Amino acid sequence: MKISGNKPPDSKDVYVKAPKGAKGDSVSQKGAADRVGVADRVEVSGKAAEIAELKGIISGMPDVRTDKVEAVAKSLANGTYRVDPGKIAGKMIDEIV
């Protein structure tokens, strides 16, 4: 492979059109004609139904847990909110690994 210059190739060099009447056209048309009477069918497993149900439950939950937010705000206001640096460092390491 030879690389010359730093500009991308022209689109005319990248895409090559197949001439009309190529073998691929007749094969794809014939295959489509053979499948005219066949209907597609989808079956949902029990696991997929369970996942759909859980998604519905989750979408009904609020984005913000106001009870947790209020508890943290109250402890910040009281000066009782404490940060555990070891716990924070542990979580950061867990995410890296």
N, C-alpha and C. Protein backbone atom coordinates (compact mmCIF):
# COMPACT_ATOMS: atom_id res chain seq x y z
N MET A 1 0.85 -1.18 0.00
CA MET A 1 0.00 0.00 0.00
C MET A 1 0.88 1.23 0.00
N LYS A 2 0.61 2.13 -0.88
CA LYS A 2 1.38 3.34 -1.00
C LYS A 2 0.55 4.52 -0.51
N ILE A 3 1.14 5.30 0.38
CA ILE A 3 0.47 6.47 0.91
C ILE A 3 1.21 7.69 0.39
N SER A 4 0.49 8.55 -0.29
CA SER A 4 1.12 9.77 -0.80
C SER A 4 0.26 10.96 -0.40
N GLY A 5 0.86 11.89 0.30
CA GLY A 5 0.13 13.06 0.74
C GLY A 5 -0.69 12.77 1.98
N ASN A 6 -1.37 13.79 2.48
CA ASN A 6 -2.17 13.61 3.69
C ASN A 6 -3.63 13.96 3.48
N LYS A 7 -4.07 14.01 2.24
CA LYS A 7 -5.49 14.27 2.00
C LYS A 7 -6.20 12.96 1.68
N PRO A 8 -7.47 12.86 2.05
CA PRO A 8 -8.20 11.62 1.79
C PRO A 8 -8.42 11.43 0.29
N PRO A 9 -8.65 10.20 -0.14
CA PRO A 9 -8.88 9.95 -1.56
C PRO A 9 -10.20 10.56 -2.02
N ASP A 10 -10.28 10.87 -3.30
CA ASP A 10 -11.52 11.39 -3.86
C ASP A 10 -12.58 10.31 -3.82
N SER A 11 -13.84 10.74 -3.72
CA SER A 11 -14.93 9.77 -3.63
C SER A 11 -15.01 8.92 -4.88
N LYS A 12 -14.60 9.46 -6.03
CA LYS A 12 -14.66 8.67 -7.25
C LYS A 12 -13.67 7.51 -7.21
N ASP A 13 -12.61 7.64 -6.42
CA ASP A 13 -11.63 6.57 -6.30
C ASP A 13 -12.07 5.50 -5.31
N VAL A 14 -12.90 5.87 -4.34
CA VAL A 14 -13.30 4.95 -3.28
C VAL A 14 -14.46 4.06 -3.72
N TYR A 15 -15.47 4.64 -4.36
CA TYR A 15 -16.67 3.90 -4.71
C TYR A 15 -16.62 3.48 -6.17
N VAL A 16 -16.85 2.21 -6.40
CA VAL A 16 -16.89 1.68 -7.75
C VAL A 16 -18.28 1.15 -7.99
N LYS A 17 -18.96 1.68 -9.01
CA LYS A 17 -20.31 1.23 -9.31
C LYS A 17 -20.26 0.00 -10.19
N ALA A 18 -21.12 -0.97 -9.89
CA ALA A 18 -21.22 -2.17 -10.71
C ALA A 18 -22.03 -1.84 -11.96
N PRO A 19 -21.65 -2.36 -13.09
CA PRO A 19 -22.42 -2.09 -14.31
C PRO A 19 -23.78 -2.75 -14.25
N LYS A 20 -24.76 -2.17 -14.96
CA LYS A 20 -26.09 -2.75 -14.97
C LYS A 20 -26.04 -4.11 -15.63
N GLY A 21 -26.86 -4.99 -15.13
CA GLY A 21 -26.90 -6.35 -15.67
C GLY A 21 -25.83 -7.24 -15.06
N ALA A 22 -25.22 -6.80 -13.96
CA ALA A 22 -24.22 -7.63 -13.30
C ALA A 22 -24.90 -8.84 -12.68
N LYS A 23 -24.13 -9.85 -12.40
CA LYS A 23 -24.70 -11.10 -11.85
C LYS A 23 -25.42 -10.87 -10.53
N GLY A 24 -24.90 -10.00 -9.69
CA GLY A 24 -25.51 -9.77 -8.38
C GLY A 24 -26.93 -9.28 -8.46
N ASP A 25 -27.25 -8.46 -9.48
CA ASP A 25 -28.61 -7.92 -9.61
C ASP A 25 -29.61 -9.03 -9.89
N SER A 26 -29.30 -9.93 -10.80
CA SER A 26 -30.25 -10.97 -11.16
C SER A 26 -30.45 -11.96 -10.02
N VAL A 27 -29.40 -12.22 -9.25
CA VAL A 27 -29.52 -13.15 -8.14
C VAL A 27 -30.39 -12.57 -7.04
N SER A 28 -30.20 -11.28 -6.70
CA SER A 28 -30.99 -10.70 -5.62
C SER A 28 -32.46 -10.56 -6.03
N GLN A 29 -32.75 -10.27 -7.27
CA GLN A 29 -34.13 -10.16 -7.71
C GLN A 29 -34.80 -11.53 -7.71
N LYS A 30 -34.08 -12.55 -8.12
CA LYS A 30 -34.65 -13.90 -8.14
C LYS A 30 -34.94 -14.37 -6.71
N GLY A 31 -34.02 -14.08 -5.78
CA GLY A 31 -34.21 -14.49 -4.39
C GLY A 31 -35.42 -13.82 -3.78
N ALA A 32 -35.66 -12.56 -4.11
CA ALA A 32 -36.81 -11.83 -3.59
C ALA A 32 -38.11 -12.40 -4.15
N ALA A 33 -38.07 -12.83 -5.40
CA ALA A 33 -39.28 -13.39 -6.02
C ALA A 33 -39.64 -14.74 -5.40
N ASP A 34 -38.66 -15.49 -4.98
CA ASP A 34 -38.92 -16.80 -4.37
C ASP A 34 -39.55 -16.67 -2.98
N ARG A 35 -39.35 -15.56 -2.30
CA ARG A 35 -39.82 -15.40 -0.92
C ARG A 35 -41.10 -14.61 -0.82
N VAL A 36 -41.82 -14.39 -1.85
CA VAL A 36 -43.01 -13.55 -1.83
C VAL A 36 -44.07 -14.08 -0.87
N GLY A 37 -44.32 -15.38 -0.83
CA GLY A 37 -45.39 -15.93 -0.02
C GLY A 37 -45.00 -16.21 1.42
N VAL A 38 -43.77 -15.99 1.83
CA VAL A 38 -43.30 -16.31 3.18
C VAL A 38 -43.49 -15.11 4.09
N ALA A 39 -44.07 -15.33 5.28
CA ALA A 39 -44.28 -14.26 6.25
C ALA A 39 -43.23 -14.37 7.36
N ASP A 40 -42.76 -13.23 7.83
CA ASP A 40 -41.81 -13.22 8.94
C ASP A 40 -42.55 -13.40 10.24
N ARG A 41 -41.85 -13.97 11.22
CA ARG A 41 -42.47 -14.24 12.51
C ARG A 41 -41.46 -13.97 13.62
N VAL A 42 -41.90 -13.40 14.72
CA VAL A 42 -41.04 -13.10 15.85
C VAL A 42 -41.63 -13.74 17.09
N GLU A 43 -40.78 -14.42 17.85
CA GLU A 43 -41.21 -15.01 19.12
C GLU A 43 -40.38 -14.38 20.23
N VAL A 44 -41.04 -13.93 21.29
CA VAL A 44 -40.37 -13.30 22.41
C VAL A 44 -40.24 -14.32 23.52
N SER A 45 -39.01 -14.49 24.00
CA SER A 45 -38.77 -15.46 25.07
C SER A 45 -39.29 -14.92 26.40
N GLY A 46 -39.36 -15.77 27.39
CA GLY A 46 -39.80 -15.36 28.71
C GLY A 46 -38.86 -14.35 29.32
N LYS A 47 -37.56 -14.50 29.04
CA LYS A 47 -36.56 -13.57 29.57
C LYS A 47 -36.75 -12.18 28.96
N ALA A 48 -37.05 -12.13 27.66
CA ALA A 48 -37.28 -10.84 27.00
C ALA A 48 -38.53 -10.15 27.56
N ALA A 49 -39.55 -10.91 27.85
CA ALA A 49 -40.77 -10.35 28.44
C ALA A 49 -40.47 -9.80 29.83
N GLU A 50 -39.64 -10.51 30.59
CA GLU A 50 -39.27 -10.07 31.93
C GLU A 50 -38.46 -8.77 31.86
N ILE A 51 -37.54 -8.69 30.88
CA ILE A 51 -36.75 -7.48 30.71
C ILE A 51 -37.64 -6.31 30.34
N ALA A 52 -38.60 -6.53 29.46
CA ALA A 52 -39.53 -5.47 29.07
C ALA A 52 -40.33 -4.97 30.27
N GLU A 53 -40.75 -5.89 31.13
CA GLU A 53 -41.49 -5.51 32.33
C GLU A 53 -40.63 -4.68 33.27
N LEU A 54 -39.37 -5.09 33.45
CA LEU A 54 -38.46 -4.35 34.32
C LEU A 54 -38.16 -2.96 33.76
N LYS A 55 -38.03 -2.87 32.44
CA LYS A 55 -37.81 -1.56 31.83
C LYS A 55 -38.99 -0.63 32.12
N GLY A 56 -40.20 -1.16 32.09
CA GLY A 56 -41.38 -0.37 32.40
C GLY A 56 -41.37 0.12 33.83
N ILE A 57 -40.96 -0.74 34.74
CA ILE A 57 -40.89 -0.36 36.16
C ILE A 57 -39.85 0.73 36.36
N ILE A 58 -38.68 0.55 35.73
CA ILE A 58 -37.59 1.52 35.88
C ILE A 58 -37.99 2.87 35.29
N SER A 59 -38.66 2.86 34.15
CA SER A 59 -39.05 4.13 33.53
C SER A 59 -40.06 4.88 34.38
N GLY A 60 -40.78 4.18 35.24
CA GLY A 60 -41.75 4.82 36.12
C GLY A 60 -41.13 5.41 37.37
N MET A 61 -39.86 5.09 37.62
CA MET A 61 -39.18 5.61 38.81
C MET A 61 -38.68 7.03 38.55
N PRO A 62 -38.60 7.85 39.58
CA PRO A 62 -38.12 9.22 39.39
C PRO A 62 -36.62 9.24 39.09
N ASP A 63 -36.17 10.26 38.34
CA ASP A 63 -34.75 10.39 38.01
C ASP A 63 -33.94 10.80 39.24
N VAL A 64 -34.54 11.59 40.11
CA VAL A 64 -33.85 12.08 41.30
C VAL A 64 -34.55 11.54 42.53
N ARG A 65 -33.77 10.94 43.43
CA ARG A 65 -34.33 10.45 44.69
C ARG A 65 -34.30 11.60 45.70
N THR A 66 -35.40 12.28 45.79
CA THR A 66 -35.46 13.48 46.62
C THR A 66 -35.18 13.20 48.09
N ASP A 67 -35.52 12.01 48.57
CA ASP A 67 -35.25 11.69 49.97
C ASP A 67 -33.75 11.67 50.25
N LYS A 68 -32.97 11.12 49.33
CA LYS A 68 -31.51 11.09 49.50
C LYS A 68 -30.92 12.49 49.39
N VAL A 69 -31.42 13.26 48.43
CA VAL A 69 -30.92 14.63 48.24
C VAL A 69 -31.20 15.48 49.47
N GLU A 70 -32.39 15.35 50.01
CA GLU A 70 -32.75 16.13 51.21
C GLU A 70 -31.90 15.72 52.41
N ALA A 71 -31.61 14.43 52.55
CA ALA A 71 -30.80 13.96 53.68
C ALA A 71 -29.38 14.52 53.58
N VAL A 72 -28.79 14.51 52.38
CA VAL A 72 -27.43 15.05 52.21
C VAL A 72 -27.43 16.56 52.43
N ALA A 73 -28.42 17.26 51.90
CA ALA A 73 -28.51 18.71 52.09
C ALA A 73 -28.62 19.07 53.56
N LYS A 74 -29.41 18.28 54.30
CA LYS A 74 -29.59 18.53 55.74
C LYS A 74 -28.28 18.32 56.49
N SER A 75 -27.56 17.23 56.16
CA SER A 75 -26.30 16.96 56.86
C SER A 75 -25.24 17.99 56.48
N LEU A 76 -25.27 18.51 55.25
CA LEU A 76 -24.34 19.57 54.87
C LEU A 76 -24.65 20.84 55.66
N ALA A 77 -25.93 21.16 55.79
CA ALA A 77 -26.33 22.36 56.52
C ALA A 77 -25.96 22.25 58.00
N ASN A 78 -26.07 21.05 58.57
CA ASN A 78 -25.76 20.84 59.98
C ASN A 78 -24.27 20.72 60.23
N GLY A 79 -23.50 20.48 59.17
CA GLY A 79 -22.06 20.28 59.33
C GLY A 79 -21.72 18.86 59.75
N THR A 80 -22.65 17.94 59.57
CA THR A 80 -22.41 16.56 59.98
C THR A 80 -22.06 15.65 58.80
N TYR A 81 -21.99 16.19 57.61
CA TYR A 81 -21.66 15.37 56.43
C TYR A 81 -20.17 15.07 56.44
N ARG A 82 -19.82 13.81 56.39
CA ARG A 82 -18.42 13.39 56.41
C ARG A 82 -18.09 12.61 55.15
N VAL A 83 -16.91 12.87 54.62
CA VAL A 83 -16.42 12.19 53.43
C VAL A 83 -15.36 11.19 53.86
N ASP A 84 -15.46 9.95 53.38
CA ASP A 84 -14.48 8.91 53.68
C ASP A 84 -13.53 8.80 52.49
N PRO A 85 -12.32 9.38 52.58
CA PRO A 85 -11.41 9.38 51.45
C PRO A 85 -11.00 7.96 51.02
N GLY A 86 -10.91 7.05 51.96
CA GLY A 86 -10.55 5.66 51.63
C GLY A 86 -11.62 4.99 50.77
N LYS A 87 -12.88 5.27 51.10
CA LYS A 87 -13.99 4.71 50.34
C LYS A 87 -14.02 5.28 48.92
N ILE A 88 -13.77 6.58 48.80
CA ILE A 88 -13.74 7.23 47.49
C ILE A 88 -12.60 6.66 46.65
N ALA A 89 -11.42 6.52 47.24
CA ALA A 89 -10.27 5.98 46.52
C ALA A 89 -10.54 4.55 46.08
N GLY A 90 -11.17 3.78 46.94
CA GLY A 90 -11.49 2.39 46.60
C GLY A 90 -12.44 2.30 45.41
N LYS A 91 -13.45 3.16 45.37
CA LYS A 91 -14.39 3.18 44.26
C LYS A 91 -13.69 3.60 42.96
N MET A 92 -12.77 4.57 43.07
CA MET A 92 -12.04 5.00 41.87
C MET A 92 -11.17 3.87 41.32
N ILE A 93 -10.54 3.14 42.19
CA ILE A 93 -9.69 2.02 41.77
C ILE A 93 -10.55 0.91 41.16
N ASP A 94 -11.71 0.65 41.76
CA ASP A 94 -12.62 -0.37 41.22
C ASP A 94 -13.05 -0.04 39.79
N GLU A 95 -13.28 1.25 39.51
CA GLU A 95 -13.70 1.65 38.17
C GLU A 95 -12.57 1.53 37.17
N ILE A 96 -11.35 1.75 37.61
CA ILE A 96 -10.19 1.65 36.72
C ILE A 96 -9.93 0.20 36.36
N VAL A 97 -10.03 -0.66 37.35
CA VAL A 97 -9.77 -2.10 37.14
C VAL A 97 -10.99 -2.71 36.57
